[in-house]
């Protein structure tokens, strides 16, 4: 299951996504955690110190390797230079899975030990001083989008992405890559304004959206959220001494998290698992193609000097029906 956490800056989305990742790991579920926020804090929220968090390889810096592996033997993609963030897979492309090792994980993922298990952590990489004035942060998240475009995941497998804050997620088609999106909202006017933006943008694309009310201190806060977001409000979370200790770098055992918060996390997982029956791989592939064509026409063709529409394999539908990769397909070819 592919799950996104979004919300305005300071809403607590990174904290809640890290708690959800811990919850899944404690249950023994396979998890790939991805920090796609411009502020790279997910590693620290999962217990890494500054040195450990900084040592996780940046996906954006390994984009040539990622492209080369995912391109595989797809004859419609003539070179990695013509691959952009929205390039869809086709016959001959290499696909990635949650459990199986692959060169992308080898290069970009690092194991993080948590109570009850370990997760793979991947990060886009921070927006550095050298990027100022010359780069767009979405060029870094393009590595995540390519990864998700080539991912085949099944029930009981989880990819949890801490997304960039606010409505920046809509700068590409990545917002359609998830089975469910949890929008973390504080009981404030600014908090619910991000929800309205996301709801309105996502409405035409069938994006499953649920609100997690955070920093809820009483009935008045709860009533406010219910009035503003209606049935999209899934659960609320209040003050947590466990989270406060975690933010100080001294988290207790995860089993000591407050009962109410354990209950909230179980409801998130139940909601995510329920979306599996609603999966439509054909629609998912169509949306991938839709955004690829938009990007090709607006900037991709000019930048690469190629007709990127020709990369689309009209008979290809991503999904669990595809056979497992052979060991030969899983080997990494030399980078172009």
C-alpha atoms as a PDB file:
ATOM      1  CA  UNK A   1       0.000   0.000   0.000  1.00  0.00           C
ATOM      2  CA  UNK A   2       1.299   3.442  -0.971  1.00  0.00           C
ATOM      3  CA  UNK A   3       0.531   6.080   1.667  1.00  0.00           C
ATOM      4  CA  UNK A   4       1.269   9.806   1.685  1.00  0.00           C
ATOM      5  CA  UNK A   5       1.313  12.181   4.630  1.00  0.00           C
ATOM      6  CA  UNK A   6       0.714  15.826   3.697  1.00  0.00           C
ATOM      7  CA  UNK A   7      -0.101  19.034   5.536  1.00  0.00           C
ATOM      8  CA  UNK A   8       1.085  22.572   6.073  1.00  0.00           C
ATOM      9  CA  UNK A   9       4.489  23.201   7.568  1.00  0.00           C
ATOM     10  CA  UNK A  10       4.455  22.621  11.314  1.00  0.00           C
ATOM     11  CA  UNK A  11       1.256  20.571  11.260  1.00  0.00           C
ATOM     12  CA  UNK A  12       3.030  17.493  12.619  1.00  0.00           C
ATOM     13  CA  UNK A  13       2.905  15.397   9.453  1.00  0.00           C
ATOM     14  CA  UNK A  14       6.487  14.155   9.833  1.00  0.00           C
ATOM     15  CA  UNK A  15       5.866  13.172  13.454  1.00  0.00           C
ATOM     16  CA  UNK A  16       2.655  11.347  12.550  1.00  0.00           C
ATOM     17  CA  UNK A  17       4.183   9.628   9.534  1.00  0.00           C
ATOM     18  CA  UNK A  18       7.060   8.419  11.738  1.00  0.00           C
ATOM     19  CA  UNK A  19       4.610   7.100  14.331  1.00  0.00           C
ATOM     20  CA  UNK A  20       2.712   5.257  11.611  1.00  0.00           C
ATOM     21  CA  UNK A  21       5.953   3.768  10.299  1.00  0.00           C
ATOM     22  CA  UNK A  22       6.841   2.619  13.827  1.00  0.00           C
ATOM     23  CA  UNK A  23       3.365   1.124  14.188  1.00  0.00           C
ATOM     24  CA  UNK A  24       3.741  -0.884  10.981  1.00  0.00           C
ATOM     25  CA  UNK A  25       7.254  -2.036  11.893  1.00  0.00           C
ATOM     26  CA  UNK A  26       6.122  -3.141  15.348  1.00  0.00           C
ATOM     27  CA  UNK A  27       3.494  -5.313  13.641  1.00  0.00           C
ATOM     28  CA  UNK A  28       6.187  -6.937  11.487  1.00  0.00           C
ATOM     29  CA  UNK A  29       5.024  -5.374   8.201  1.00  0.00           C
ATOM     30  CA  UNK A  30       7.565  -4.674   5.427  1.00  0.00           C
ATOM     31  CA  UNK A  31       7.960  -0.902   5.084  1.00  0.00           C
ATOM     32  CA  UNK A  32       9.778   1.475   2.768  1.00  0.00           C
ATOM     33  CA  UNK A  33       9.840   4.970   4.306  1.00  0.00           C
ATOM     34  CA  UNK A  34      10.590   7.926   2.026  1.00  0.00           C
ATOM     35  CA  UNK A  35      11.355  11.488   3.093  1.00  0.00           C
ATOM     36  CA  UNK A  36      10.208  13.666   0.179  1.00  0.00           C
ATOM     37  CA  UNK A  37       9.932  16.895   2.157  1.00  0.00           C
ATOM     38  CA  UNK A  38      12.170  19.877   1.473  1.00  0.00           C
ATOM     39  CA  UNK A  39      12.974  19.811   5.201  1.00  0.00           C
ATOM     40  CA  UNK A  40      14.535  16.407   5.787  1.00  0.00           C
ATOM     41  CA  UNK A  41      13.363  15.397   9.275  1.00  0.00           C
ATOM     42  CA  UNK A  42      11.939  11.895   8.873  1.00  0.00           C
ATOM     43  CA  UNK A  43      15.216  10.155   9.694  1.00  0.00           C
ATOM     44  CA  UNK A  44      15.503  12.068  12.973  1.00  0.00           C
ATOM     45  CA  UNK A  45      11.863  11.305  13.781  1.00  0.00           C
ATOM     46  CA  UNK A  46      12.701   7.619  13.330  1.00  0.00           C
ATOM     47  CA  UNK A  47      15.510   7.903  15.851  1.00  0.00           C
ATOM     48  CA  UNK A  48      18.608   8.631  13.755  1.00  0.00           C
ATOM     49  CA  UNK A  49      21.064  11.164  15.082  1.00  0.00           C
ATOM     50  CA  UNK A  50      22.227  14.023  12.857  1.00  0.00           C
ATOM     51  CA  UNK A  51      25.255  12.151  11.547  1.00  0.00           C
ATOM     52  CA  UNK A  52      23.265   9.002  10.775  1.00  0.00           C
ATOM     53  CA  UNK A  53      20.487  10.964   9.079  1.00  0.00           C
ATOM     54  CA  UNK A  54      22.951  12.920   6.957  1.00  0.00           C
ATOM     55  CA  UNK A  55      24.628   9.671   5.866  1.00  0.00           C
ATOM     56  CA  UNK A  56      21.479   8.322   4.155  1.00  0.00           C
ATOM     57  CA  UNK A  57      22.216   8.635   0.399  1.00  0.00           C
ATOM     58  CA  UNK A  58      20.179  11.236  -1.443  1.00  0.00           C
ATOM     59  CA  UNK A  59      18.009   9.776  -4.203  1.00  0.00           C
ATOM     60  CA  UNK A  60      18.334  13.002  -6.172  1.00  0.00           C
ATOM     61  CA  UNK A  61      22.097  12.560  -6.346  1.00  0.00           C
ATOM     62  CA  UNK A  62      21.723   9.013  -7.661  1.00  0.00           C
ATOM     63  CA  UNK A  63      19.154   9.783 -10.325  1.00  0.00           C
ATOM     64  CA  UNK A  64      21.334   8.507 -13.233  1.00  0.00           C
ATOM     65  CA  UNK A  65      21.669   5.114 -11.524  1.00  0.00           C
ATOM     66  CA  UNK A  66      17.949   4.982 -10.744  1.00  0.00           C
ATOM     67  CA  UNK A  67      17.047   5.835 -14.341  1.00  0.00           C
ATOM     68  CA  UNK A  68      19.472   3.317 -15.772  1.00  0.00           C
ATOM     69  CA  UNK A  69      18.101   0.503 -13.646  1.00  0.00           C
ATOM     70  CA  UNK A  70      14.417   1.305 -14.204  1.00  0.00           C
ATOM     71  CA  UNK A  71      14.882   1.806 -17.945  1.00  0.00           C
ATOM     72  CA  UNK A  72      15.956  -1.817 -18.259  1.00  0.00           C
ATOM     73  CA  UNK A  73      15.548  -3.041 -21.828  1.00  0.00           C
ATOM     74  CA  UNK A  74      12.545  -0.876 -22.711  1.00  0.00           C
ATOM     75  CA  UNK A  75      13.028  -0.136 -26.445  1.00  0.00           C
ATOM     76  CA  UNK A  76      10.783   2.935 -26.267  1.00  0.00           C
ATOM     77  CA  UNK A  77      13.260   4.733 -23.995  1.00  0.00           C
ATOM     78  CA  UNK A  78      16.312   5.380 -26.131  1.00  0.00           C
ATOM     79  CA  UNK A  79      18.551   6.629 -23.305  1.00  0.00           C
ATOM     80  CA  UNK A  80      18.464   7.676 -19.672  1.00  0.00           C
ATOM     81  CA  UNK A  81      18.940  11.258 -20.874  1.00  0.00           C
ATOM     82  CA  UNK A  82      15.376  11.149 -22.242  1.00  0.00           C
ATOM     83  CA  UNK A  83      13.861   9.900 -18.976  1.00  0.00           C
ATOM     84  CA  UNK A  84      12.065  12.545 -16.930  1.00  0.00           C
ATOM     85  CA  UNK A  85      10.337  12.292 -13.570  1.00  0.00           C
ATOM     86  CA  UNK A  86       7.035  11.148 -15.113  1.00  0.00           C
ATOM     87  CA  UNK A  87       8.428   8.557 -17.538  1.00  0.00           C
ATOM     88  CA  UNK A  88       6.138   5.516 -17.272  1.00  0.00           C
ATOM     89  CA  UNK A  89       7.256   1.901 -17.427  1.00  0.00           C
ATOM     90  CA  UNK A  90       6.577  -0.318 -20.411  1.00  0.00           C
ATOM     91  CA  UNK A  91       7.552  -3.672 -21.815  1.00  0.00           C
ATOM     92  CA  UNK A  92      11.185  -4.255 -20.880  1.00  0.00           C
ATOM     93  CA  UNK A  93      11.262  -1.800 -17.967  1.00  0.00           C
ATOM     94  CA  UNK A  94      12.482  -3.023 -14.625  1.00  0.00           C
ATOM     95  CA  UNK A  95       9.990  -2.852 -11.780  1.00  0.00           C
ATOM     96  CA  UNK A  96      10.641  -2.597  -8.054  1.00  0.00           C
ATOM     97  CA  UNK A  97       8.872  -4.280  -5.171  1.00  0.00           C
ATOM     98  CA  UNK A  98       8.689  -3.581  -1.473  1.00  0.00           C
ATOM     99  CA  UNK A  99      10.280  -6.778  -0.187  1.00  0.00           C
ATOM    100  CA  UNK A 100      12.756  -7.824  -2.860  1.00  0.00           C
ATOM    101  CA  UNK A 101      16.232  -6.265  -2.919  1.00  0.00           C
ATOM    102  CA  UNK A 102      17.275  -4.294  -5.976  1.00  0.00           C
ATOM    103  CA  UNK A 103      20.086  -1.894  -6.972  1.00  0.00           C
ATOM    104  CA  UNK A 104      17.925   1.160  -6.174  1.00  0.00           C
ATOM    105  CA  UNK A 105      17.640   0.011  -2.558  1.00  0.00           C
ATOM    106  CA  UNK A 106      21.326  -0.887  -2.511  1.00  0.00           C
ATOM    107  CA  UNK A 107      22.262   2.621  -3.613  1.00  0.00           C
ATOM    108  CA  UNK A 108      19.650   4.720  -1.834  1.00  0.00           C
ATOM    109  CA  UNK A 109      18.043   2.879   1.076  1.00  0.00           C
ATOM    110  CA  UNK A 110      19.394   2.325   4.555  1.00  0.00           C
ATOM    111  CA  UNK A 111      17.899   0.082   7.252  1.00  0.00           C
ATOM    112  CA  UNK A 112      16.562   1.793  10.364  1.00  0.00           C
ATOM    113  CA  UNK A 113      16.056  -0.426  13.398  1.00  0.00           C
ATOM    114  CA  UNK A 114      12.818   0.237  15.255  1.00  0.00           C
ATOM    115  CA  UNK A 115      10.977  -1.507  18.055  1.00  0.00           C
ATOM    116  CA  UNK A 116       9.864  -4.823  16.648  1.00  0.00           C
ATOM    117  CA  UNK A 117      11.597  -4.591  13.277  1.00  0.00           C
ATOM    118  CA  UNK A 118      13.450  -2.553  10.703  1.00  0.00           C
ATOM    119  CA  UNK A 119      12.356  -0.388   7.784  1.00  0.00           C
ATOM    120  CA  UNK A 120      14.101   0.802   4.630  1.00  0.00           C
ATOM    121  CA  UNK A 121      14.585   4.578   4.678  1.00  0.00           C
ATOM    122  CA  UNK A 122      15.129   6.597   1.508  1.00  0.00           C
ATOM    123  CA  UNK A 123      15.442  10.377   1.231  1.00  0.00           C
ATOM    124  CA  UNK A 124      15.299  12.833  -1.648  1.00  0.00           C
ATOM    125  CA  UNK A 125      18.136  14.823  -0.131  1.00  0.00           C
ATOM    126  CA  UNK A 126      18.087  18.368   1.244  1.00  0.00           C
ATOM    127  CA  UNK A 127      17.777  21.558  -0.756  1.00  0.00           C
ATOM    128  CA  UNK A 128      21.319  22.899  -0.503  1.00  0.00           C
ATOM    129  CA  UNK A 129      22.933  26.320  -0.919  1.00  0.00           C
ATOM    130  CA  UNK A 130      24.198  25.241  -4.350  1.00  0.00           C
ATOM    131  CA  UNK A 131      20.585  24.750  -5.482  1.00  0.00           C
ATOM    132  CA  UNK A 132      19.514  28.295  -4.634  1.00  0.00           C
ATOM    133  CA  UNK A 133      18.551  30.252  -7.716  1.00  0.00           C
ATOM    134  CA  UNK A 134      19.346  27.433 -10.126  1.00  0.00           C
ATOM    135  CA  UNK A 135      17.236  24.429  -9.141  1.00  0.00           C
ATOM    136  CA  UNK A 136      13.687  23.513  -8.276  1.00  0.00           C
ATOM    137  CA  UNK A 137      13.093  21.181  -5.351  1.00  0.00           C
ATOM    138  CA  UNK A 138      10.731  19.165  -7.515  1.00  0.00           C
ATOM    139  CA  UNK A 139      13.720  18.090  -9.590  1.00  0.00           C
ATOM    140  CA  UNK A 140      14.896  16.232  -6.484  1.00  0.00           C
ATOM    141  CA  UNK A 141      11.525  14.608  -5.807  1.00  0.00           C
ATOM    142  CA  UNK A 142      11.535  13.403  -9.413  1.00  0.00           C
ATOM    143  CA  UNK A 143      13.560  10.408  -8.244  1.00  0.00           C
ATOM    144  CA  UNK A 144      10.732   9.484  -5.870  1.00  0.00           C
ATOM    145  CA  UNK A 145       8.137   9.864  -8.608  1.00  0.00           C
ATOM    146  CA  UNK A 146      10.097   7.587 -10.955  1.00  0.00           C
ATOM    147  CA  UNK A 147      10.436   5.024  -8.158  1.00  0.00           C
ATOM    148  CA  UNK A 148       6.682   5.071  -7.477  1.00  0.00           C
ATOM    149  CA  UNK A 149       5.890   4.842 -11.198  1.00  0.00           C
ATOM    150  CA  UNK A 150       7.834   1.563 -11.354  1.00  0.00           C
ATOM    151  CA  UNK A 151       6.640   0.117  -8.034  1.00  0.00           C
ATOM    152  CA  UNK A 152       4.410  -2.943  -7.822  1.00  0.00           C
ATOM    153  CA  UNK A 153       3.217  -3.401  -4.250  1.00  0.00           C
ATOM    154  CA  UNK A 154       0.738  -5.796  -2.733  1.00  0.00           C
ATOM    155  CA  UNK A 155      -1.453  -6.118   0.364  1.00  0.00           C
ATOM    156  CA  UNK A 156       0.394  -6.052   3.652  1.00  0.00           C
ATOM    157  CA  UNK A 157       3.314  -4.123   2.096  1.00  0.00           C
ATOM    158  CA  UNK A 158       3.726  -0.432   2.797  1.00  0.00           C
ATOM    159  CA  UNK A 159       5.460   2.539   1.219  1.00  0.00           C
ATOM    160  CA  UNK A 160       5.016   5.602   3.449  1.00  0.00           C
ATOM    161  CA  UNK A 161       6.012   8.985   1.995  1.00  0.00           C
ATOM    162  CA  UNK A 162       6.422  12.154   4.029  1.00  0.00           C
ATOM    163  CA  UNK A 163       5.526  14.683   1.338  1.00  0.00           C
ATOM    164  CA  UNK A 164       6.560  18.294   0.925  1.00  0.00           C
ATOM    165  CA  UNK A 165       4.416  20.765   2.854  1.00  0.00           C
ATOM    166  CA  UNK A 166       1.303  22.529   1.622  1.00  0.00           C
ATOM    167  CA  UNK A 167       0.044  22.229  -1.939  1.00  0.00           C
ATOM    168  CA  UNK A 168       3.520  21.860  -3.493  1.00  0.00           C
ATOM    169  CA  UNK A 169       2.685  18.185  -4.053  1.00  0.00           C
ATOM    170  CA  UNK A 170       0.606  19.250  -7.027  1.00  0.00           C
ATOM    171  CA  UNK A 171       3.618  20.507  -8.981  1.00  0.00           C
ATOM    172  CA  UNK A 172       3.761  17.014 -10.493  1.00  0.00           C
ATOM    173  CA  UNK A 173       1.518  13.986 -10.805  1.00  0.00           C
ATOM    174  CA  UNK A 174       2.975  12.355  -7.709  1.00  0.00           C
ATOM    175  CA  UNK A 175      -0.153  13.125  -5.688  1.00  0.00           C
ATOM    176  CA  UNK A 176      -1.987  10.449  -7.731  1.00  0.00           C
ATOM    177  CA  UNK A 177       0.569   7.740  -6.910  1.00  0.00           C
ATOM    178  CA  UNK A 178      -0.944   6.759  -3.553  1.00  0.00           C
ATOM    179  CA  UNK A 179      -3.665   4.412  -2.384  1.00  0.00           C
ATOM    180  CA  UNK A 180      -4.552   6.885   0.344  1.00  0.00           C
ATOM    181  CA  UNK A 181      -3.382  10.310   1.472  1.00  0.00           C
ATOM    182  CA  UNK A 182      -3.524  11.344   5.113  1.00  0.00           C
ATOM    183  CA  UNK A 183      -3.725  15.112   5.463  1.00  0.00           C
ATOM    184  CA  UNK A 184      -2.567  16.270   8.884  1.00  0.00           C
ATOM    185  CA  UNK A 185      -4.508  19.359   9.939  1.00  0.00           C
ATOM    186  CA  UNK A 186      -4.426  21.461  13.065  1.00  0.00           C
ATOM    187  CA  UNK A 187      -7.759  22.873  14.296  1.00  0.00           C
ATOM    188  CA  UNK A 188      -7.020  26.305  12.815  1.00  0.00           C
ATOM    189  CA  UNK A 189      -8.097  28.259   9.753  1.00  0.00           C
ATOM    190  CA  UNK A 190      -4.664  27.763   8.159  1.00  0.00           C
ATOM    191  CA  UNK A 191      -4.770  24.070   8.951  1.00  0.00           C
ATOM    192  CA  UNK A 192      -8.047  23.449   7.175  1.00  0.00           C
ATOM    193  CA  UNK A 193      -7.194  25.765   4.255  1.00  0.00           C
ATOM    194  CA  UNK A 194      -4.541  23.262   3.108  1.00  0.00           C
ATOM    195  CA  UNK A 195      -7.183  20.532   3.339  1.00  0.00           C
ATOM    196  CA  UNK A 196      -9.528  22.504   1.066  1.00  0.00           C
ATOM    197  CA  UNK A 197      -6.770  23.058  -1.484  1.00  0.00           C
ATOM    198  CA  UNK A 198      -5.831  19.410  -1.510  1.00  0.00           C
ATOM    199  CA  UNK A 199      -9.452  18.250  -1.673  1.00  0.00           C
ATOM    200  CA  UNK A 200     -10.243  20.520  -4.596  1.00  0.00           C
ATOM    201  CA  UNK A 201      -7.106  19.642  -6.573  1.00  0.00           C
ATOM    202  CA  UNK A 202      -7.460  15.916  -5.964  1.00  0.00           C
ATOM    203  CA  UNK A 203     -11.189  15.623  -6.568  1.00  0.00           C
ATOM    204  CA  UNK A 204     -10.949  14.974 -10.318  1.00  0.00           C
ATOM    205  CA  UNK A 205      -8.337  12.237  -9.913  1.00  0.00           C
ATOM    206  CA  UNK A 206     -10.078   9.900  -7.487  1.00  0.00           C
ATOM    207  CA  UNK A 207      -7.508  10.495  -4.735  1.00  0.00           C
ATOM    208  CA  UNK A 208      -8.551   8.877  -1.452  1.00  0.00           C
ATOM    209  CA  UNK A 209      -8.116  11.594   1.180  1.00  0.00           C
ATOM    210  CA  UNK A 210      -8.599  11.414   4.936  1.00  0.00           C
ATOM    211  CA  UNK A 211      -7.858  14.056   7.556  1.00  0.00           C
ATOM    212  CA  UNK A 212      -5.899  13.401  10.727  1.00  0.00           C
ATOM    213  CA  UNK A 213      -6.618  16.136  13.246  1.00  0.00           C
ATOM    214  CA  UNK A 214      -3.470  16.958  15.197  1.00  0.00           C
ATOM    215  CA  UNK A 215      -2.864  19.022  18.351  1.00  0.00           C
ATOM    216  CA  UNK A 216      -6.509  18.635  19.305  1.00  0.00           C
ATOM    217  CA  UNK A 217      -6.914  19.802  22.898  1.00  0.00           C
ATOM    218  CA  UNK A 218     -10.602  19.569  23.583  1.00  0.00           C
ATOM    219  CA  UNK A 219     -14.176  19.326  22.356  1.00  0.00           C
ATOM    220  CA  UNK A 220     -14.079  22.791  20.799  1.00  0.00           C
ATOM    221  CA  UNK A 221     -11.129  21.792  18.586  1.00  0.00           C
ATOM    222  CA  UNK A 222     -12.889  18.573  17.622  1.00  0.00           C
ATOM    223  CA  UNK A 223     -16.126  20.387  16.781  1.00  0.00           C
ATOM    224  CA  UNK A 224     -14.186  22.878  14.646  1.00  0.00           C
ATOM    225  CA  UNK A 225     -12.563  20.141  12.579  1.00  0.00           C
ATOM    226  CA  UNK A 226     -15.810  18.239  12.154  1.00  0.00           C
ATOM    227  CA  UNK A 227     -17.528  21.387  10.940  1.00  0.00           C
ATOM    228  CA  UNK A 228     -14.721  22.224   8.493  1.00  0.00           C
ATOM    229  CA  UNK A 229     -13.819  18.830   7.001  1.00  0.00           C
ATOM    230  CA  UNK A 230     -16.932  16.737   7.624  1.00  0.00           C
ATOM    231  CA  UNK A 231     -16.737  13.018   6.915  1.00  0.00           C
ATOM    232  CA  UNK A 232     -13.141  13.293   5.735  1.00  0.00           C
ATOM    233  CA  UNK A 233     -12.063  13.538   9.380  1.00  0.00           C
ATOM    234  CA  UNK A 234     -10.777  10.067  10.227  1.00  0.00           C
ATOM    235  CA  UNK A 235      -9.181  10.463  13.634  1.00  0.00           C
ATOM    236  CA  UNK A 236      -7.678  13.062  15.962  1.00  0.00           C
ATOM    237  CA  UNK A 237      -4.490  13.113  17.994  1.00  0.00           C
ATOM    238  CA  UNK A 238      -3.745  15.200  21.060  1.00  0.00           C
ATOM    239  CA  UNK A 239      -0.754  15.843  23.311  1.00  0.00           C
ATOM    240  CA  UNK A 240       1.693  12.965  23.688  1.00  0.00           C
ATOM    241  CA  UNK A 241       4.364  12.668  26.362  1.00  0.00           C
ATOM    242  CA  UNK A 242       5.882   9.854  24.270  1.00  0.00           C
ATOM    243  CA  UNK A 243       6.253  12.187  21.292  1.00  0.00           C
ATOM    244  CA  UNK A 244       7.741  14.908  23.477  1.00  0.00           C
ATOM    245  CA  UNK A 245      10.371  12.436  24.720  1.00  0.00           C
ATOM    246  CA  UNK A 246      11.021  11.301  21.136  1.00  0.00           C
ATOM    247  CA  UNK A 247      11.572  14.888  20.023  1.00  0.00           C
ATOM    248  CA  UNK A 248      14.194  15.214  22.762  1.00  0.00           C
ATOM    249  CA  UNK A 249      15.962  12.155  21.366  1.00  0.00           C
ATOM    250  CA  UNK A 250      14.942   9.894  24.242  1.00  0.00           C
ATOM    251  CA  UNK A 251      11.925   7.885  23.039  1.00  0.00           C
ATOM    252  CA  UNK A 252      10.629   5.172  25.374  1.00  0.00           C
ATOM    253  CA  UNK A 253       9.748   1.769  23.975  1.00  0.00           C
ATOM    254  CA  UNK A 254       7.079   2.198  21.326  1.00  0.00           C
ATOM    255  CA  UNK A 255       4.681  -0.052  23.212  1.00  0.00           C
ATOM    256  CA  UNK A 256       4.517   2.703  25.853  1.00  0.00           C
ATOM    257  CA  UNK A 257       2.916   5.157  23.425  1.00  0.00           C
ATOM    258  CA  UNK A 258      -0.423   6.290  24.842  1.00  0.00           C
ATOM    259  CA  UNK A 259      -3.322   3.887  24.249  1.00  0.00           C
ATOM    260  CA  UNK A 260      -5.380   6.551  22.472  1.00  0.00           C
ATOM    261  CA  UNK A 261      -2.573   7.138  20.000  1.00  0.00           C
ATOM    262  CA  UNK A 262      -2.079   3.413  19.407  1.00  0.00           C
ATOM    263  CA  UNK A 263      -5.794   3.275  18.630  1.00  0.00           C
ATOM    264  CA  UNK A 264      -5.469   6.181  16.203  1.00  0.00           C
ATOM    265  CA  UNK A 265      -2.600   4.463  14.383  1.00  0.00           C
ATOM    266  CA  UNK A 266      -4.603   1.251  14.075  1.00  0.00           C
ATOM    267  CA  UNK A 267      -7.412   3.248  12.460  1.00  0.00           C
ATOM    268  CA  UNK A 268      -4.950   4.699   9.952  1.00  0.00           C
ATOM    269  CA  UNK A 269      -3.767   1.237   9.001  1.00  0.00           C
ATOM    270  CA  UNK A 270      -7.319  -0.072   8.723  1.00  0.00           C
ATOM    271  CA  UNK A 271      -8.223   2.824   6.421  1.00  0.00           C
ATOM    272  CA  UNK A 272      -5.128   2.221   4.293  1.00  0.00           C
ATOM    273  CA  UNK A 273      -5.733  -1.518   4.023  1.00  0.00           C
ATOM    274  CA  UNK A 274      -9.356  -0.946   3.015  1.00  0.00           C
ATOM    275  CA  UNK A 275      -8.270   0.932  -0.106  1.00  0.00           C
ATOM    276  CA  UNK A 276      -6.663  -2.207  -1.532  1.00  0.00           C
ATOM    277  CA  UNK A 277     -10.020  -3.481  -2.762  1.00  0.00           C
ATOM    278  CA  UNK A 278     -10.550  -0.177  -4.587  1.00  0.00           C
ATOM    279  CA  UNK A 279      -7.350  -0.404  -6.617  1.00  0.00           C
ATOM    280  CA  UNK A 280      -7.667   0.232 -10.324  1.00  0.00           C
ATOM    281  CA  UNK A 281      -4.308  -0.393 -11.993  1.00  0.00           C
ATOM    282  CA  UNK A 282      -5.650   0.680 -15.386  1.00  0.00           C
ATOM    283  CA  UNK A 283      -6.682   4.089 -14.030  1.00  0.00           C
ATOM    284  CA  UNK A 284      -3.380   4.331 -12.178  1.00  0.00           C
ATOM    285  CA  UNK A 285      -1.493   3.743 -15.427  1.00  0.00           C
ATOM    286  CA  UNK A 286      -3.707   6.178 -17.353  1.00  0.00           C
ATOM    287  CA  UNK A 287      -2.987   8.908 -14.812  1.00  0.00           C
ATOM    288  CA  UNK A 288       0.720   8.191 -15.103  1.00  0.00           C
ATOM    289  CA  UNK A 289       0.502   8.616 -18.877  1.00  0.00           C
ATOM    290  CA  UNK A 290      -1.645  11.753 -18.525  1.00  0.00           C
ATOM    291  CA  UNK A 291       0.938  13.587 -16.431  1.00  0.00           C
ATOM    292  CA  UNK A 292       3.797  12.347 -18.577  1.00  0.00           C
ATOM    293  CA  UNK A 293       2.182  13.844 -21.658  1.00  0.00           C
ATOM    294  CA  UNK A 294       1.565  17.133 -19.823  1.00  0.00           C
ATOM    295  CA  UNK A 295       5.185  17.348 -18.721  1.00  0.00           C
ATOM    296  CA  UNK A 296       6.448  16.316 -22.149  1.00  0.00           C
ATOM    297  CA  UNK A 297       4.483  19.078 -23.855  1.00  0.00           C
ATOM    298  CA  UNK A 298       5.224  21.800 -21.307  1.00  0.00           C
ATOM    299  CA  UNK A 299       8.987  21.282 -20.934  1.00  0.00           C
ATOM    300  CA  UNK A 300      10.177  17.696 -21.388  1.00  0.00           C
ATOM    301  CA  UNK A 301      10.346  17.521 -25.182  1.00  0.00           C
ATOM    302  CA  UNK A 302      12.259  20.778 -25.407  1.00  0.00           C
ATOM    303  CA  UNK A 303      14.682  19.899 -22.639  1.00  0.00           C
ATOM    304  CA  UNK A 304      15.504  16.384 -23.886  1.00  0.00           C
ATOM    305  CA  UNK A 305      15.232  17.046 -27.619  1.00  0.00           C
ATOM    306  CA  UNK A 306      12.988  13.988 -27.988  1.00  0.00           C
ATOM    307  CA  UNK A 307       9.308  13.220 -28.498  1.00  0.00           C
ATOM    308  CA  UNK A 308       8.584  11.802 -25.058  1.00  0.00           C
ATOM    309  CA  UNK A 309       5.093  10.720 -26.079  1.00  0.00           C
ATOM    310  CA  UNK A 310       6.818   7.913 -27.959  1.00  0.00           C
ATOM    311  CA  UNK A 311       7.891   6.427 -24.614  1.00  0.00           C
ATOM    312  CA  UNK A 312       4.331   5.394 -23.831  1.00  0.00           C
ATOM    313  CA  UNK A 313       3.618   1.696 -24.304  1.00  0.00           C
ATOM    314  CA  UNK A 314      -0.113   1.631 -25.188  1.00  0.00           C
ATOM    315  CA  UNK A 315      -0.548  -2.017 -24.233  1.00  0.00           C
ATOM    316  CA  UNK A 316       1.180  -1.822 -20.856  1.00  0.00           C
ATOM    317  CA  UNK A 317      -0.729  -1.775 -17.563  1.00  0.00           C
ATOM    318  CA  UNK A 318       1.227  -1.743 -14.327  1.00  0.00           C
ATOM    319  CA  UNK A 319      -0.021  -4.190 -11.731  1.00  0.00           C
ATOM    320  CA  UNK A 320       0.423  -7.299  -9.661  1.00  0.00           C
ATOM    321  CA  UNK A 321      -0.324  -9.479 -12.679  1.00  0.00           C
ATOM    322  CA  UNK A 322       3.184  -8.837 -13.952  1.00  0.00           C
ATOM    323  CA  UNK A 323       5.605 -11.683 -13.445  1.00  0.00           C
ATOM    324  CA  UNK A 324       8.445 -11.418 -10.963  1.00  0.00           C
ATOM    325  CA  UNK A 325      11.732 -10.119 -12.243  1.00  0.00           C
ATOM    326  CA  UNK A 326      14.377 -12.662 -13.135  1.00  0.00           C
ATOM    327  CA  UNK A 327      17.816 -12.462 -11.600  1.00  0.00           C
ATOM    328  CA  UNK A 328      19.130 -11.335 -14.966  1.00  0.00           C
ATOM    329  CA  UNK A 329      16.654  -8.442 -15.107  1.00  0.00           C
ATOM    330  CA  UNK A 330      17.481  -7.476 -11.551  1.00  0.00           C
ATOM    331  CA  UNK A 331      21.199  -7.026 -12.293  1.00  0.00           C
ATOM    332  CA  UNK A 332      22.364  -3.473 -12.727  1.00  0.00           C
ATOM    333  CA  UNK A 333      23.698  -2.554 -16.147  1.00  0.00           C
ATOM    334  CA  UNK A 334      26.435   0.061 -16.553  1.00  0.00           C
ATOM    335  CA  UNK A 335      25.145   3.585 -16.201  1.00  0.00           C
ATOM    336  CA  UNK A 336      24.599   5.302 -19.530  1.00  0.00           C
END
